[in-house]
Amino acid sequence: MNRLFIAFGIALGSVLGIAGCGSTGETVGTVGGAAVGGAIGSEVSGGSTMGTIGGAAAGGYIGHQMGERYEERNR
């Protein structure tokens, strides 16, 4: 459980750092989603490399879609 909190902390810090650079919603969503998805995939699969990569890929895709929708609403 501690690994999950550490991973979420790193993901949150990464997202905030990227958001501060003035990136687009798609970029922030993709990176944030990949970080959180990778952490969740790792935790669910017991640290499996394939679980981590799969979670990061799925999280990145979902985050990108959410960022794209955010940008469309706020133009």
PDB file of N, CA and C in Angstrom:
ATOM      1  N   MET A   1       0.820  -1.194   0.000  1.00  0.00           N
ATOM      2  CA  MET A   1       0.000   0.000   0.000  1.00  0.00           C
ATOM      3  C   MET A   1       0.862   1.255   0.000  1.00  0.00           C
ATOM      4  N   ASN A   2       2.011   1.200   0.684  1.00  0.00           N
ATOM      5  CA  ASN A   2       2.901   2.367   0.701  1.00  0.00           C
ATOM      6  C   ASN A   2       3.435   2.676  -0.688  1.00  0.00           C
ATOM      7  N   ARG A   3       3.712   1.618  -1.478  1.00  0.00           N
ATOM      8  CA  ARG A   3       4.197   1.843  -2.839  1.00  0.00           C
ATOM      9  C   ARG A   3       3.164   2.589  -3.661  1.00  0.00           C
ATOM     10  N   LEU A   4       1.893   2.283  -3.437  1.00  0.00           N
ATOM     11  CA  LEU A   4       0.829   2.955  -4.183  1.00  0.00           C
ATOM     12  C   LEU A   4       0.804   4.443  -3.850  1.00  0.00           C
ATOM     13  N   PHE A   5       0.920   4.784  -2.574  1.00  0.00           N
ATOM     14  CA  PHE A   5       0.924   6.198  -2.172  1.00  0.00           C
ATOM     15  C   PHE A   5       2.151   6.930  -2.722  1.00  0.00           C
ATOM     16  N   ILE A   6       3.274   6.268  -2.719  1.00  0.00           N
ATOM     17  CA  ILE A   6       4.483   6.878  -3.273  1.00  0.00           C
ATOM     18  C   ILE A   6       4.317   7.111  -4.768  1.00  0.00           C
ATOM     19  N   ALA A   7       3.767   6.126  -5.459  1.00  0.00           N
ATOM     20  CA  ALA A   7       3.558   6.265  -6.905  1.00  0.00           C
ATOM     21  C   ALA A   7       2.579   7.394  -7.209  1.00  0.00           C
ATOM     22  N   PHE A   8       1.503   7.486  -6.435  1.00  0.00           N
ATOM     23  CA  PHE A   8       0.547   8.568  -6.642  1.00  0.00           C
ATOM     24  C   PHE A   8       1.185   9.924  -6.349  1.00  0.00           C
ATOM     25  N   GLY A   9       2.028   9.992  -5.344  1.00  0.00           N
ATOM     26  CA  GLY A   9       2.721  11.245  -5.043  1.00  0.00           C
ATOM     27  C   GLY A   9       3.637  11.670  -6.168  1.00  0.00           C
ATOM     28  N   ILE A  10       4.361  10.716  -6.726  1.00  0.00           N
ATOM     29  CA  ILE A  10       5.239  11.023  -7.855  1.00  0.00           C
ATOM     30  C   ILE A  10       4.418  11.451  -9.064  1.00  0.00           C
ATOM     31  N   ALA A  11       3.317  10.744  -9.313  1.00  0.00           N
ATOM     32  CA  ALA A  11       2.453  11.094 -10.449  1.00  0.00           C
ATOM     33  C   ALA A  11       1.878  12.495 -10.281  1.00  0.00           C
ATOM     34  N   LEU A  12       1.413  12.805  -9.091  1.00  0.00           N
ATOM     35  CA  LEU A  12       0.843  14.126  -8.839  1.00  0.00           C
ATOM     36  C   LEU A  12       1.892  15.213  -9.012  1.00  0.00           C
ATOM     37  N   GLY A  13       3.076  14.981  -8.496  1.00  0.00           N
ATOM     38  CA  GLY A  13       4.153  15.952  -8.660  1.00  0.00           C
ATOM     39  C   GLY A  13       4.521  16.151 -10.125  1.00  0.00           C
ATOM     40  N   SER A  14       4.521  15.072 -10.887  1.00  0.00           N
ATOM     41  CA  SER A  14       4.825  15.168 -12.315  1.00  0.00           C
ATOM     42  C   SER A  14       3.772  15.973 -13.050  1.00  0.00           C
ATOM     43  N   VAL A  15       2.528  15.702 -12.749  1.00  0.00           N
ATOM     44  CA  VAL A  15       1.436  16.417 -13.420  1.00  0.00           C
ATOM     45  C   VAL A  15       1.479  17.896 -13.075  1.00  0.00           C
ATOM     46  N   LEU A  16       1.697  18.218 -11.821  1.00  0.00           N
ATOM     47  CA  LEU A  16       1.765  19.628 -11.428  1.00  0.00           C
ATOM     48  C   LEU A  16       2.965  20.322 -12.061  1.00  0.00           C
ATOM     49  N   GLY A  17       4.070  19.617 -12.158  1.00  0.00           N
ATOM     50  CA  GLY A  17       5.251  20.201 -12.789  1.00  0.00           C
ATOM     51  C   GLY A  17       5.038  20.477 -14.265  1.00  0.00           C
ATOM     52  N   ILE A  18       4.396  19.568 -14.941  1.00  0.00           N
ATOM     53  CA  ILE A  18       4.126  19.765 -16.365  1.00  0.00           C
ATOM     54  C   ILE A  18       3.068  20.838 -16.564  1.00  0.00           C
ATOM     55  N   ALA A  19       2.068  20.863 -15.716  1.00  0.00           N
ATOM     56  CA  ALA A  19       1.006  21.861 -15.840  1.00  0.00           C
ATOM     57  C   ALA A  19       1.568  23.262 -15.663  1.00  0.00           C
ATOM     58  N   GLY A  20       2.570  23.394 -14.851  1.00  0.00           N
ATOM     59  CA  GLY A  20       3.176  24.700 -14.623  1.00  0.00           C
ATOM     60  C   GLY A  20       3.965  25.212 -15.819  1.00  0.00           C
ATOM     61  N   CYS A  21       4.268  24.353 -16.745  1.00  0.00           N
ATOM     62  CA  CYS A  21       5.025  24.752 -17.933  1.00  0.00           C
ATOM     63  C   CYS A  21       4.133  25.319 -19.029  1.00  0.00           C
ATOM     64  N   GLY A  22       2.860  25.386 -18.812  1.00  0.00           N
ATOM     65  CA  GLY A  22       1.959  25.933 -19.815  1.00  0.00           C
ATOM     66  C   GLY A  22       1.675  24.968 -20.940  1.00  0.00           C
ATOM     67  N   SER A  23       1.744  23.689 -20.673  1.00  0.00           N
ATOM     68  CA  SER A  23       1.481  22.689 -21.698  1.00  0.00           C
ATOM     69  C   SER A  23      -0.001  22.635 -22.024  1.00  0.00           C
ATOM     70  N   THR A  24      -0.303  21.982 -23.120  1.00  0.00           N
ATOM     71  CA  THR A  24      -1.698  21.823 -23.496  1.00  0.00           C
ATOM     72  C   THR A  24      -2.361  20.774 -22.620  1.00  0.00           C
ATOM     73  N   GLY A  25      -3.670  20.780 -22.633  1.00  0.00           N
ATOM     74  CA  GLY A  25      -4.432  19.812 -21.851  1.00  0.00           C
ATOM     75  C   GLY A  25      -4.145  18.383 -22.270  1.00  0.00           C
ATOM     76  N   GLU A  26      -3.924  18.179 -23.576  1.00  0.00           N
ATOM     77  CA  GLU A  26      -3.630  16.829 -24.048  1.00  0.00           C
ATOM     78  C   GLU A  26      -2.320  16.305 -23.471  1.00  0.00           C
ATOM     79  N   THR A  27      -1.319  17.166 -23.424  1.00  0.00           N
ATOM     80  CA  THR A  27      -0.012  16.745 -22.914  1.00  0.00           C
ATOM     81  C   THR A  27      -0.087  16.425 -21.432  1.00  0.00           C
ATOM     82  N   VAL A  28      -0.702  17.310 -20.681  1.00  0.00           N
ATOM     83  CA  VAL A  28      -0.826  17.092 -19.241  1.00  0.00           C
ATOM     84  C   VAL A  28      -1.645  15.843 -18.974  1.00  0.00           C
ATOM     85  N   GLY A  29      -2.731  15.678 -19.713  1.00  0.00           N
ATOM     86  CA  GLY A  29      -3.576  14.494 -19.532  1.00  0.00           C
ATOM     87  C   GLY A  29      -2.844  13.211 -19.872  1.00  0.00           C
ATOM     88  N   THR A  30      -2.082  13.229 -20.953  1.00  0.00           N
ATOM     89  CA  THR A  30      -1.358  12.031 -21.376  1.00  0.00           C
ATOM     90  C   THR A  30      -0.299  11.634 -20.356  1.00  0.00           C
ATOM     91  N   VAL A  31       0.509  12.581 -19.937  1.00  0.00           N
ATOM     92  CA  VAL A  31       1.584  12.275 -18.989  1.00  0.00           C
ATOM     93  C   VAL A  31       1.010  11.884 -17.629  1.00  0.00           C
ATOM     94  N   GLY A  32       0.032  12.652 -17.166  1.00  0.00           N
ATOM     95  CA  GLY A  32      -0.580  12.329 -15.872  1.00  0.00           C
ATOM     96  C   GLY A  32      -1.278  10.985 -15.895  1.00  0.00           C
ATOM     97  N   GLY A  33      -2.007  10.725 -16.970  1.00  0.00           N
ATOM     98  CA  GLY A  33      -2.696   9.443 -17.099  1.00  0.00           C
ATOM     99  C   GLY A  33      -1.737   8.278 -17.170  1.00  0.00           C
ATOM    100  N   ALA A  34      -0.634   8.461 -17.894  1.00  0.00           N
ATOM    101  CA  ALA A  34       0.361   7.395 -17.997  1.00  0.00           C
ATOM    102  C   ALA A  34       1.017   7.121 -16.645  1.00  0.00           C
ATOM    103  N   ALA A  35       1.306   8.171 -15.897  1.00  0.00           N
ATOM    104  CA  ALA A  35       1.931   7.982 -14.583  1.00  0.00           C
ATOM    105  C   ALA A  35       0.992   7.260 -13.619  1.00  0.00           C
ATOM    106  N   VAL A  36      -0.248   7.723 -13.567  1.00  0.00           N
ATOM    107  CA  VAL A  36      -1.212   7.093 -12.660  1.00  0.00           C
ATOM    108  C   VAL A  36      -1.546   5.684 -13.141  1.00  0.00           C
ATOM    109  N   GLY A  37      -1.740   5.513 -14.450  1.00  0.00           N
ATOM    110  CA  GLY A  37      -2.040   4.191 -14.992  1.00  0.00           C
ATOM    111  C   GLY A  37      -0.914   3.201 -14.750  1.00  0.00           C
ATOM    112  N   GLY A  38       0.317   3.652 -14.897  1.00  0.00           N
ATOM    113  CA  GLY A  38       1.452   2.782 -14.624  1.00  0.00           C
ATOM    114  C   GLY A  38       1.529   2.368 -13.162  1.00  0.00           C
ATOM    115  N   ALA A  39       1.254   3.307 -12.280  1.00  0.00           N
ATOM    116  CA  ALA A  39       1.256   2.987 -10.844  1.00  0.00           C
ATOM    117  C   ALA A  39       0.164   1.991 -10.506  1.00  0.00           C
ATOM    118  N   ILE A  40      -1.022   2.219 -11.041  1.00  0.00           N
ATOM    119  CA  ILE A  40      -2.136   1.307 -10.766  1.00  0.00           C
ATOM    120  C   ILE A  40      -1.876  -0.059 -11.401  1.00  0.00           C
ATOM    121  N   GLY A  41      -1.378  -0.065 -12.648  1.00  0.00           N
ATOM    122  CA  GLY A  41      -1.067  -1.333 -13.307  1.00  0.00           C
ATOM    123  C   GLY A  41      -0.023  -2.132 -12.562  1.00  0.00           C
ATOM    124  N   SER A  42       0.976  -1.457 -12.029  1.00  0.00           N
ATOM    125  CA  SER A  42       2.014  -2.129 -11.252  1.00  0.00           C
ATOM    126  C   SER A  42       1.447  -2.719  -9.966  1.00  0.00           C
ATOM    127  N   GLU A  43       0.612  -1.940  -9.306  1.00  0.00           N
ATOM    128  CA  GLU A  43       0.035  -2.408  -8.033  1.00  0.00           C
ATOM    129  C   GLU A  43      -0.909  -3.583  -8.249  1.00  0.00           C
ATOM    130  N   VAL A  44      -1.737  -3.499  -9.263  1.00  0.00           N
ATOM    131  CA  VAL A  44      -2.722  -4.558  -9.523  1.00  0.00           C
ATOM    132  C   VAL A  44      -2.028  -5.848  -9.959  1.00  0.00           C
ATOM    133  N   SER A  45      -0.964  -5.730 -10.761  1.00  0.00           N
ATOM    134  CA  SER A  45      -0.296  -6.925 -11.280  1.00  0.00           C
ATOM    135  C   SER A  45       0.823  -7.426 -10.363  1.00  0.00           C
ATOM    136  N   GLY A  46       0.986  -6.820  -9.224  1.00  0.00           N
ATOM    137  CA  GLY A  46       2.022  -7.264  -8.295  1.00  0.00           C
ATOM    138  C   GLY A  46       3.427  -6.884  -8.728  1.00  0.00           C
ATOM    139  N   GLY A  47       3.557  -5.803  -9.478  1.00  0.00           N
ATOM    140  CA  GLY A  47       4.870  -5.329  -9.901  1.00  0.00           C
ATOM    141  C   GLY A  47       5.317  -5.865 -11.249  1.00  0.00           C
ATOM    142  N   SER A  48       4.425  -6.519 -11.973  1.00  0.00           N
ATOM    143  CA  SER A  48       4.753  -7.061 -13.282  1.00  0.00           C
ATOM    144  C   SER A  48       5.085  -5.944 -14.275  1.00  0.00           C
ATOM    145  N   THR A  49       6.106  -6.161 -15.075  1.00  0.00           N
ATOM    146  CA  THR A  49       6.494  -5.177 -16.084  1.00  0.00           C
ATOM    147  C   THR A  49       5.377  -4.973 -17.100  1.00  0.00           C
ATOM    148  N   MET A  50       4.775  -6.054 -17.551  1.00  0.00           N
ATOM    149  CA  MET A  50       3.696  -5.946 -18.539  1.00  0.00           C
ATOM    150  C   MET A  50       2.481  -5.227 -17.945  1.00  0.00           C
ATOM    151  N   GLY A  51       2.190  -5.470 -16.690  1.00  0.00           N
ATOM    152  CA  GLY A  51       1.083  -4.773 -16.035  1.00  0.00           C
ATOM    153  C   GLY A  51       1.345  -3.286 -15.927  1.00  0.00           C
ATOM    154  N   THR A  52       2.579  -2.926 -15.621  1.00  0.00           N
ATOM    155  CA  THR A  52       2.954  -1.520 -15.520  1.00  0.00           C
ATOM    156  C   THR A  52       2.874  -0.828 -16.882  1.00  0.00           C
ATOM    157  N   ILE A  53       3.422  -1.474 -17.896  1.00  0.00           N
ATOM    158  CA  ILE A  53       3.392  -0.895 -19.243  1.00  0.00           C
ATOM    159  C   ILE A  53       1.961  -0.804 -19.764  1.00  0.00           C
ATOM    160  N   GLY A  54       1.182  -1.853 -19.547  1.00  0.00           N
ATOM    161  CA  GLY A  54      -0.216  -1.831 -19.982  1.00  0.00           C
ATOM    162  C   GLY A  54      -1.018  -0.752 -19.285  1.00  0.00           C
ATOM    163  N   GLY A  55      -0.807  -0.610 -17.982  1.00  0.00           N
ATOM    164  CA  GLY A  55      -1.495   0.436 -17.235  1.00  0.00           C
ATOM    165  C   GLY A  55      -1.096   1.825 -17.690  1.00  0.00           C
ATOM    166  N   ALA A  56       0.195   2.008 -17.979  1.00  0.00           N
ATOM    167  CA  ALA A  56       0.664   3.306 -18.457  1.00  0.00           C
ATOM    168  C   ALA A  56       0.090   3.628 -19.830  1.00  0.00           C
ATOM    169  N   ALA A  57       0.018   2.633 -20.693  1.00  0.00           N
ATOM    170  CA  ALA A  57      -0.545   2.856 -22.029  1.00  0.00           C
ATOM    171  C   ALA A  57      -2.025   3.206 -21.950  1.00  0.00           C
ATOM    172  N   ALA A  58      -2.762   2.440 -21.166  1.00  0.00           N
ATOM    173  CA  ALA A  58      -4.198   2.708 -21.022  1.00  0.00           C
ATOM    174  C   ALA A  58      -4.427   4.063 -20.350  1.00  0.00           C
ATOM    175  N   GLY A  59      -3.663   4.348 -19.305  1.00  0.00           N
ATOM    176  CA  GLY A  59      -3.807   5.629 -18.607  1.00  0.00           C
ATOM    177  C   GLY A  59      -3.440   6.804 -19.487  1.00  0.00           C
ATOM    178  N   GLY A  60      -2.400   6.646 -20.301  1.00  0.00           N
ATOM    179  CA  GLY A  60      -2.009   7.714 -21.223  1.00  0.00           C
ATOM    180  C   GLY A  60      -3.085   7.990 -22.252  1.00  0.00           C
ATOM    181  N   TYR A  61      -3.684   6.935 -22.778  1.00  0.00           N
ATOM    182  CA  TYR A  61      -4.752   7.109 -23.770  1.00  0.00           C
ATOM    183  C   TYR A  61      -5.964   7.803 -23.154  1.00  0.00           C
ATOM    184  N   ILE A  62      -6.382   7.327 -21.988  1.00  0.00           N
ATOM    185  CA  ILE A  62      -7.538   7.925 -21.321  1.00  0.00           C
ATOM    186  C   ILE A  62      -7.244   9.374 -20.944  1.00  0.00           C
ATOM    187  N   GLY A  63      -6.049   9.632 -20.415  1.00  0.00           N
ATOM    188  CA  GLY A  63      -5.670  10.992 -20.044  1.00  0.00           C
ATOM    189  C   GLY A  63      -5.639  11.926 -21.242  1.00  0.00           C
ATOM    190  N   HIS A  64      -5.162  11.428 -22.375  1.00  0.00           N
ATOM    191  CA  HIS A  64      -5.133  12.244 -23.589  1.00  0.00           C
ATOM    192  C   HIS A  64      -6.549  12.608 -24.031  1.00  0.00           C
ATOM    193  N   GLN A  65      -7.442  11.642 -23.997  1.00  0.00           N
ATOM    194  CA  GLN A  65      -8.827  11.905 -24.395  1.00  0.00           C
ATOM    195  C   GLN A  65      -9.485  12.920 -23.463  1.00  0.00           C
ATOM    196  N   MET A  66      -9.221  12.788 -22.169  1.00  0.00           N
ATOM    197  CA  MET A  66      -9.788  13.730 -21.212  1.00  0.00           C
ATOM    198  C   MET A  66      -9.214  15.130 -21.415  1.00  0.00           C
ATOM    199  N   GLY A  67      -7.912  15.224 -21.671  1.00  0.00           N
ATOM    200  CA  GLY A  67      -7.276  16.516 -21.927  1.00  0.00           C
ATOM    201  C   GLY A  67      -7.793  17.166 -23.195  1.00  0.00           C
ATOM    202  N   GLU A  68      -8.046  16.356 -24.197  1.00  0.00           N
ATOM    203  CA  GLU A  68      -8.588  16.869 -25.455  1.00  0.00           C
ATOM    204  C   GLU A  68      -9.986  17.457 -25.244  1.00  0.00           C
ATOM    205  N   ARG A  69     -10.801  16.745 -24.499  1.00  0.00           N
ATOM    206  CA  ARG A  69     -12.155  17.253 -24.201  1.00  0.00           C
ATOM    207  C   ARG A  69     -12.097  18.525 -23.367  1.00  0.00           C
ATOM    208  N   TYR A  70     -11.162  18.583 -22.429  1.00  0.00           N
ATOM    209  CA  TYR A  70     -10.997  19.783 -21.606  1.00  0.00           C
ATOM    210  C   TYR A  70     -10.647  20.985 -22.480  1.00  0.00           C
ATOM    211  N   GLU A  71      -9.715  20.785 -23.415  1.00  0.00           N
ATOM    212  CA  GLU A  71      -9.307  21.867 -24.308  1.00  0.00           C
ATOM    213  C   GLU A  71     -10.476  22.330 -25.185  1.00  0.00           C
ATOM    214  N   GLU A  72     -11.295  21.395 -25.659  1.00  0.00           N
ATOM    215  CA  GLU A  72     -12.436  21.767 -26.503  1.00  0.00           C
ATOM    216  C   GLU A  72     -13.451  22.598 -25.724  1.00  0.00           C
ATOM    217  N   ARG A  73     -13.684  22.241 -24.466  1.00  0.00           N
ATOM    218  CA  ARG A  73     -14.658  22.978 -23.648  1.00  0.00           C
ATOM    219  C   ARG A  73     -14.163  24.357 -23.274  1.00  0.00           C
ATOM    220  N   ASN A  74     -12.865  24.552 -23.145  1.00  0.00           N
ATOM    221  CA  ASN A  74     -12.313  25.800 -22.653  1.00  0.00           C
ATOM    222  C   ASN A  74     -11.664  26.653 -23.732  1.00  0.00           C
ATOM    223  N   ARG A  75     -12.091  26.531 -24.950  1.00  0.00           N
ATOM    224  CA  ARG A  75     -11.556  27.373 -26.024  1.00  0.00           C
ATOM    225  C   ARG A  75     -12.406  28.579 -26.217  1.00  0.00           C
TER     226      ARG A  75
END
